[in-house]
Amino acid sequence: MKSCIKAGLAVGTALLLAACSGGGSGYDLGSGKTETVTATASPSPTRTPTPTPTPTKTKPPYGPVLTGYIDPVSAALGKLNVAAGLDAFATALQEAATAASTAGSGLGLADEPAGVSTARRQLVVALGQLSTDLTKVRSDIRAKSVCATTAAFAEVGLSEGLKAVPPALALMTAAGYPTTFAVPQTPQLQTRTLESGTMVREGRLRGSGVLNVDNGGSSDAVVSLAKDGKSVHSVYVGKGKKASVEGIEDGTYEVFFSGGVDWDASLKAFTQNCDFSKFDDTMAFETGRTYTSWSITLQPSVGGNAKTSDVDEDKFPQP
C-alpha cells in the first residue's frame, strides 16, 4: 500500500491539510499516523403505501322500495271518480297509467331479495298490462267508443292488468313484503235500451204533421226535431225498427240524430259507440187542406236524397 504523509503547518489559526491519493483514503491528523476511513451508505427507508378505501355498497331494504312504487299506483286509481266529467276522468286515467308504467319499470330494475323472483316477475307484467289497459280506455274516450264516465269506469273494471296485480302482491306479502293496494269498485258495463217509439222528449203534439223513421243502421238511435238549437220532440228507434211521431205542429225544424249502445235515461245519451249527425236540409211542416208527412231512413243508401253531416257533441241539442 502506498501512503503519503504531509506535515501540517499552522499559520495563524488556519490549518492547511494536504491529501494524498493512493490505494485508500486517509487523513493526516498531524500525528504521523494514517487512518483509513471507509464510508458506508445508509439504506433508504421503505415506505408503506397508504391503502385506498373501497366504498361499501349497501342495498336499500326491499320493503320501502316496493311500497314506494305501489302506493302511487293505488293513489292514482283512487282518483277515478264515476261522478267526474269525462275529460277529468281521462286525465285521471293518464295519471294512473303513468304510475303503473313507472312502477313496473322501477321494480324490473330494482335489486330483489331471495324468494321474490316469481312474485316480482308477475307484478312487473301485471303493472305493464294495467298501464296498457288504462291507456286504451283513454283512447276509447277520444274515439267515442266510450261516451260516459260510467262506461269508461266499467271498462277499467275489465282490465286484465288490474285483476293480476293483487295476486302478485299477495305473493309478495307471503314472502314478507306486505303492501296496501286498493282495487276501485267499478260499475258493470251495460246495454240498456228503450222500446222503439218511446218519446225521449215530447213537446206539444197538437198539430197534424207526421214524422216516420226507419232505422236501418247498425245501432239504436234517437231522432230529434229541433228549433233554435233546442230539441222539441225526440223519439227512440231501435236498430232494424220503425217509429212515428204524430201531431207535430207547423213550423220548420232541424233534424238531428244520435246513435250508439246503452241508453242512459238520466243522461239522455248513449254511453258507448256514440255518434252525432244532422240532416243538412230542414223539414217544414204545414197544415192546410192537407198535412205534411215526412219519412226518413237512417241508413246510407245509393241514390238517397238527404245529405247528413257529423255534429260536434258540444253543439248537439240534448234529446
Protein backbone atom coordinates (compact mmCIF):
# COMPACT_ATOMS: atom_id res chain seq x y z
CA MET A 1 0.00 0.00 0.00
CA LYS A 2 1.30 3.36 -0.92
CA SER A 3 0.96 6.08 1.66
CA CYS A 4 1.97 9.65 1.87
CA ILE A 5 2.44 11.77 4.95
CA LYS A 6 2.49 15.53 4.90
CA ALA A 7 3.33 17.72 7.80
CA GLY A 8 0.77 20.21 8.79
CA LEU A 9 1.83 23.85 9.16
CA ALA A 10 -0.20 26.05 11.35
CA VAL A 11 -0.45 29.59 10.10
CA GLY A 12 -2.38 31.73 12.46
CA THR A 13 -5.50 29.88 13.16
CA ALA A 14 -5.72 28.23 9.70
CA LEU A 15 -4.80 24.65 9.28
CA LEU A 16 -3.64 23.50 5.87
CA LEU A 17 -4.27 19.84 5.13
CA ALA A 18 -2.89 18.05 2.18
CA ALA A 19 -4.45 14.91 0.87
CA CYS A 20 -2.63 12.16 -0.86
CA SER A 21 -4.24 9.75 -3.25
CA GLY A 22 -3.38 6.10 -3.23
CA GLY A 23 -4.91 2.78 -2.67
CA GLY A 24 -7.18 4.15 0.05
CA SER A 25 -8.38 7.34 1.59
CA GLY A 26 -6.53 8.82 4.52
CA TYR A 27 -6.44 12.00 6.53
CA ASP A 28 -3.23 13.23 8.16
CA LEU A 29 -4.05 14.27 11.69
CA GLY A 30 -0.56 15.69 12.17
CA SER A 31 0.47 12.86 14.46
CA GLY A 32 2.36 10.91 11.82
CA LYS A 33 -0.32 8.21 11.84
CA THR A 34 -2.59 7.41 8.99
CA GLU A 35 -6.19 6.23 9.45
CA THR A 36 -8.29 4.76 6.74
CA VAL A 37 -11.97 5.70 6.81
CA THR A 38 -14.48 3.65 4.84
CA ALA A 39 -17.88 5.29 4.08
CA THR A 40 -20.95 3.06 4.33
CA ALA A 41 -24.20 4.09 2.61
CA SER A 42 -27.33 4.00 4.80
CA PRO A 43 -30.26 2.07 3.27
CA SER A 44 -33.28 4.18 2.17
CA PRO A 45 -36.30 3.74 4.42
CA THR A 46 -39.11 1.54 2.93
CA ARG A 47 -42.40 3.39 2.51
CA THR A 48 -45.62 1.51 3.11
CA PRO A 49 -48.28 2.63 0.59
CA THR A 50 -51.43 4.11 2.07
CA PRO A 51 -54.38 1.82 1.22
CA THR A 52 -57.22 3.38 -0.82
CA PRO A 53 -60.57 2.96 0.95
CA THR A 54 -63.10 0.87 -1.01
CA PRO A 55 -66.71 2.14 -0.72
CA THR A 56 -69.17 -0.40 0.57
CA LYS A 57 -72.48 -0.51 -1.31
CA THR A 58 -75.49 -1.21 0.84
CA LYS A 59 -78.66 -2.34 -0.89
CA PRO A 60 -81.78 -0.46 0.21
CA PRO A 61 -84.40 -2.51 2.07
CA TYR A 62 -86.82 -4.04 -0.43
CA GLY A 63 -89.98 -3.29 1.55
CA PRO A 64 -89.73 0.53 1.18
CA VAL A 65 -88.75 0.15 -2.48
CA LEU A 66 -91.84 -1.96 -3.19
CA THR A 67 -94.12 0.37 -1.25
CA GLY A 68 -92.63 3.43 -2.94
CA TYR A 69 -93.72 2.12 -6.34
CA ILE A 70 -97.08 0.56 -5.43
CA ASP A 71 -98.51 3.40 -3.31
CA PRO A 72 -98.61 5.95 -6.21
CA VAL A 73 -100.48 3.42 -8.39
CA SER A 74 -103.07 2.79 -5.68
CA ALA A 75 -103.45 6.52 -5.02
CA ALA A 76 -103.93 7.31 -8.73
CA LEU A 77 -106.57 4.60 -9.12
CA GLY A 78 -108.36 6.09 -6.12
CA LYS A 79 -108.82 9.34 -8.06
CA LEU A 80 -111.00 7.63 -10.68
CA ASN A 81 -114.42 9.01 -9.83
CA VAL A 82 -117.59 7.93 -11.57
CA ALA A 83 -119.14 11.31 -10.75
CA ALA A 84 -116.40 13.21 -12.59
CA GLY A 85 -116.79 14.59 -16.08
CA LEU A 86 -115.41 12.54 -18.95
CA ASP A 87 -112.47 14.92 -19.54
CA ALA A 88 -111.47 14.85 -15.87
CA PHE A 89 -111.78 11.06 -15.86
CA ALA A 90 -109.49 10.82 -18.90
CA THR A 91 -106.88 12.95 -17.11
CA ALA A 92 -107.04 10.68 -14.05
CA LEU A 93 -106.64 7.66 -16.33
CA GLN A 94 -103.43 9.11 -17.75
CA GLU A 95 -102.03 9.68 -14.25
CA ALA A 96 -102.81 6.10 -13.21
CA ALA A 97 -101.36 4.66 -16.44
CA THR A 98 -98.12 6.62 -15.91
CA ALA A 99 -97.86 5.49 -12.28
CA ALA A 100 -98.33 1.84 -13.28
CA SER A 101 -95.74 2.10 -16.05
CA THR A 102 -93.22 3.77 -13.73
CA ALA A 103 -93.77 1.12 -11.05
CA GLY A 104 -93.31 -1.74 -13.49
CA SER A 105 -90.10 -0.28 -14.91
CA GLY A 106 -88.68 0.56 -11.48
CA LEU A 107 -89.37 -2.83 -9.95
CA GLY A 108 -87.98 -4.51 -13.02
CA LEU A 109 -84.60 -2.83 -12.44
CA ALA A 110 -84.50 -2.84 -8.62
CA ASP A 111 -82.39 -5.40 -6.75
CA GLU A 112 -84.56 -8.10 -5.29
CA PRO A 113 -84.09 -10.28 -2.22
CA ALA A 114 -84.13 -14.04 -2.43
CA GLY A 115 -87.52 -15.65 -2.68
CA VAL A 116 -89.43 -12.97 -4.59
CA SER A 117 -88.32 -13.54 -8.17
CA THR A 118 -91.59 -15.15 -9.26
CA ALA A 119 -93.73 -12.59 -7.46
CA ARG A 120 -91.71 -9.68 -8.85
CA ARG A 121 -91.92 -11.02 -12.38
CA GLN A 122 -95.70 -11.42 -12.15
CA LEU A 123 -96.08 -7.97 -10.62
CA VAL A 124 -93.99 -6.28 -13.30
CA VAL A 125 -96.06 -7.94 -16.05
CA ALA A 126 -99.34 -7.02 -14.30
CA LEU A 127 -98.34 -3.37 -13.89
CA GLY A 128 -97.33 -3.13 -17.53
CA GLN A 129 -100.66 -4.61 -18.62
CA LEU A 130 -102.53 -2.24 -16.31
CA SER A 131 -100.81 0.75 -17.89
CA THR A 132 -101.71 -0.52 -21.36
CA ASP A 133 -105.34 -1.15 -20.38
CA LEU A 134 -105.83 2.30 -18.84
CA THR A 135 -104.27 3.96 -21.88
CA LYS A 136 -106.71 2.05 -24.10
CA VAL A 137 -109.71 3.31 -22.10
CA ARG A 138 -108.42 6.84 -22.57
CA SER A 139 -108.09 6.23 -26.31
CA ASP A 140 -111.63 4.83 -26.42
CA ILE A 141 -112.89 8.06 -24.86
CA ARG A 142 -111.21 10.10 -27.59
CA ALA A 143 -112.59 7.78 -30.29
CA LYS A 144 -116.15 8.00 -28.85
CA SER A 145 -116.19 4.27 -28.24
CA VAL A 146 -116.81 5.31 -24.64
CA CYS A 147 -119.12 8.29 -24.23
CA ALA A 148 -119.84 8.47 -20.49
CA THR A 149 -117.81 8.18 -17.29
CA THR A 150 -119.87 5.20 -16.15
CA ALA A 151 -118.91 3.23 -19.27
CA ALA A 152 -115.26 4.30 -19.01
CA PHE A 153 -115.10 3.20 -15.37
CA ALA A 154 -116.79 -0.09 -16.26
CA GLU A 155 -114.12 -0.69 -18.90
CA VAL A 156 -111.43 -0.09 -16.26
CA GLY A 157 -113.01 -2.88 -14.23
CA LEU A 158 -112.48 -5.26 -17.16
CA SER A 159 -108.70 -4.63 -17.17
CA GLU A 160 -106.70 -7.87 -17.05
CA GLY A 161 -103.80 -5.95 -15.56
CA LEU A 162 -105.94 -4.65 -12.69
CA LYS A 163 -107.06 -8.20 -11.95
CA ALA A 164 -103.47 -9.52 -11.97
CA VAL A 165 -101.89 -7.02 -9.57
CA PRO A 166 -103.49 -8.26 -6.28
CA PRO A 167 -102.40 -11.93 -6.70
CA ALA A 168 -98.81 -10.83 -7.39
CA LEU A 169 -98.84 -8.59 -4.32
CA ALA A 170 -100.24 -11.50 -2.28
CA LEU A 171 -97.13 -13.49 -3.20
CA MET A 172 -95.00 -10.54 -2.06
CA THR A 173 -96.87 -10.49 1.25
CA ALA A 174 -96.27 -14.21 1.71
CA ALA A 175 -92.55 -13.58 1.16
CA GLY A 176 -92.56 -10.95 3.92
CA TYR A 177 -93.13 -7.77 1.93
CA PRO A 178 -96.71 -6.55 2.51
CA THR A 179 -98.21 -3.56 0.70
CA THR A 180 -101.52 -1.73 0.63
CA PHE A 181 -103.32 -1.75 -2.71
CA ALA A 182 -106.97 -0.80 -3.16
CA VAL A 183 -108.81 -2.05 -6.25
CA PRO A 184 -111.51 0.52 -7.16
CA GLN A 185 -115.13 -0.57 -7.15
CA THR A 186 -116.23 -0.27 -10.76
CA PRO A 187 -119.73 -0.43 -12.28
CA GLN A 188 -120.82 -3.10 -14.72
CA LEU A 189 -120.83 -2.43 -18.45
CA GLN A 190 -124.46 -2.20 -19.56
CA THR A 191 -126.52 -2.33 -22.78
CA ARG A 192 -129.75 -0.59 -21.78
CA THR A 193 -132.38 0.13 -24.45
CA LEU A 194 -135.84 1.64 -24.79
CA GLU A 195 -138.82 0.32 -26.67
CA SER A 196 -138.89 1.62 -30.20
CA GLY A 197 -141.23 4.61 -30.46
CA THR A 198 -140.62 5.81 -26.89
CA MET A 199 -140.65 9.60 -26.70
CA VAL A 200 -137.45 10.76 -25.06
CA ARG A 201 -138.64 14.36 -25.27
CA GLU A 202 -142.24 15.16 -26.01
CA GLY A 203 -143.24 18.69 -26.83
CA ARG A 204 -146.73 19.89 -27.67
CA LEU A 205 -148.20 17.49 -30.20
CA ARG A 206 -151.28 19.45 -31.22
CA GLY A 207 -150.65 19.68 -34.92
CA SER A 208 -151.17 17.42 -37.88
CA GLY A 209 -147.63 16.73 -39.05
CA VAL A 210 -146.16 13.21 -39.07
CA LEU A 211 -142.54 12.02 -38.98
CA ASN A 212 -141.84 8.39 -39.91
CA VAL A 213 -138.41 6.94 -39.08
CA ASP A 214 -136.96 3.67 -40.38
CA ASN A 215 -133.74 2.77 -38.58
CA GLY A 216 -131.78 0.54 -40.93
CA GLY A 217 -128.49 1.33 -39.19
CA SER A 218 -126.32 -0.89 -37.03
CA SER A 219 -127.24 0.66 -33.68
CA ASP A 220 -130.18 2.17 -31.82
CA ALA A 221 -130.87 5.84 -32.46
CA VAL A 222 -132.68 8.87 -31.13
CA VAL A 223 -134.11 11.30 -33.70
CA SER A 224 -134.80 14.88 -32.63
CA LEU A 225 -136.74 17.72 -34.24
CA ALA A 226 -135.17 20.96 -33.04
CA LYS A 227 -135.80 24.69 -33.21
CA ASP A 228 -133.26 27.36 -32.31
CA GLY A 229 -130.73 24.69 -31.26
CA LYS A 230 -133.11 23.02 -28.78
CA SER A 231 -134.92 19.72 -29.13
CA VAL A 232 -138.70 19.91 -29.35
CA HIS A 233 -139.51 16.25 -29.99
CA SER A 234 -137.17 13.24 -29.66
CA VAL A 235 -138.08 9.62 -30.40
CA TYR A 236 -136.16 6.41 -29.70
CA VAL A 237 -135.84 3.98 -32.62
CA GLY A 238 -134.17 0.61 -32.14
CA LYS A 239 -131.89 -0.79 -34.84
CA GLY A 240 -133.92 -2.52 -37.51
CA LYS A 241 -137.10 -0.92 -36.12
CA LYS A 242 -139.53 1.80 -37.19
CA ALA A 243 -141.25 4.56 -35.24
CA SER A 244 -143.51 7.54 -35.88
CA VAL A 245 -144.19 10.90 -34.26
CA GLU A 246 -147.68 12.27 -34.86
CA GLY A 247 -149.21 15.64 -34.06
CA ILE A 248 -146.20 17.76 -34.97
CA GLU A 249 -147.13 21.43 -35.04
CA ASP A 250 -146.49 23.60 -38.06
CA GLY A 251 -143.01 25.03 -38.38
CA THR A 252 -139.55 24.46 -39.78
CA TYR A 253 -137.35 22.05 -37.87
CA GLU A 254 -133.76 20.87 -37.95
CA VAL A 255 -133.40 17.10 -37.73
CA PHE A 256 -130.66 15.64 -35.51
CA PHE A 257 -129.99 12.01 -34.73
CA SER A 258 -127.57 10.21 -32.45
CA GLY A 259 -126.71 6.52 -32.44
CA GLY A 260 -124.95 4.21 -30.04
CA VAL A 261 -125.17 1.47 -27.43
CA ASP A 262 -126.54 1.57 -23.87
CA TRP A 263 -129.04 4.40 -23.49
CA ASP A 264 -128.67 6.18 -20.14
CA ALA A 265 -132.07 7.71 -19.41
CA SER A 266 -130.64 10.00 -16.71
CA LEU A 267 -128.04 11.42 -19.09
CA LYS A 268 -130.30 11.17 -22.14
CA ALA A 269 -127.35 9.84 -24.08
CA PHE A 270 -125.73 6.64 -25.29
CA THR A 271 -122.73 5.62 -23.19
CA GLN A 272 -120.88 3.60 -25.85
CA ASN A 273 -120.09 3.87 -29.57
CA CYS A 274 -121.89 7.17 -29.85
CA ASP A 275 -122.13 9.33 -32.96
CA PHE A 276 -123.90 12.62 -33.66
CA SER A 277 -125.28 13.80 -37.00
CA LYS A 278 -127.87 16.04 -38.60
CA PHE A 279 -129.67 16.31 -41.90
CA ASP A 280 -128.32 19.19 -43.94
CA ASP A 281 -131.81 20.27 -45.04
CA THR A 282 -134.56 21.38 -42.69
CA MET A 283 -138.07 19.93 -42.55
CA ALA A 284 -141.10 22.18 -42.91
CA PHE A 285 -144.46 21.02 -41.56
CA GLU A 286 -147.53 22.86 -42.89
CA THR A 287 -151.21 22.29 -42.38
CA GLY A 288 -153.84 23.42 -44.89
CA ARG A 289 -156.15 21.27 -46.90
CA THR A 290 -153.52 18.61 -46.36
CA TYR A 291 -150.87 17.99 -43.76
CA THR A 292 -147.17 17.27 -44.09
CA SER A 293 -145.74 13.80 -43.57
CA TRP A 294 -142.00 13.18 -43.75
CA SER A 295 -140.24 9.80 -43.89
CA ILE A 296 -136.55 9.31 -43.23
CA THR A 297 -134.32 6.23 -43.28
CA LEU A 298 -131.29 6.08 -41.01
CA GLN A 299 -129.07 4.13 -43.34
CA PRO A 300 -126.67 5.26 -46.03
CA SER A 301 -128.14 4.31 -49.38
CA VAL A 302 -127.20 4.75 -53.00
CA GLY A 303 -129.39 7.42 -54.56
CA GLY A 304 -130.52 8.82 -51.23
CA ASN A 305 -131.71 12.43 -51.48
CA ALA A 306 -130.97 13.54 -47.93
CA LYS A 307 -127.43 14.50 -47.06
CA THR A 308 -126.15 14.41 -43.50
CA SER A 309 -123.21 15.90 -41.64
CA ASP A 310 -121.42 14.97 -38.43
CA VAL A 311 -122.00 17.30 -35.50
CA ASP A 312 -119.70 18.03 -32.60
CA GLU A 313 -121.13 16.66 -29.37
CA ASP A 314 -120.91 20.07 -27.70
CA LYS A 315 -123.17 21.55 -30.39
CA PHE A 316 -125.65 18.69 -30.38
CA PRO A 317 -129.01 19.57 -28.74
CA GLN A 318 -129.82 17.28 -25.85
CA PRO A 319 -132.66 14.96 -26.84
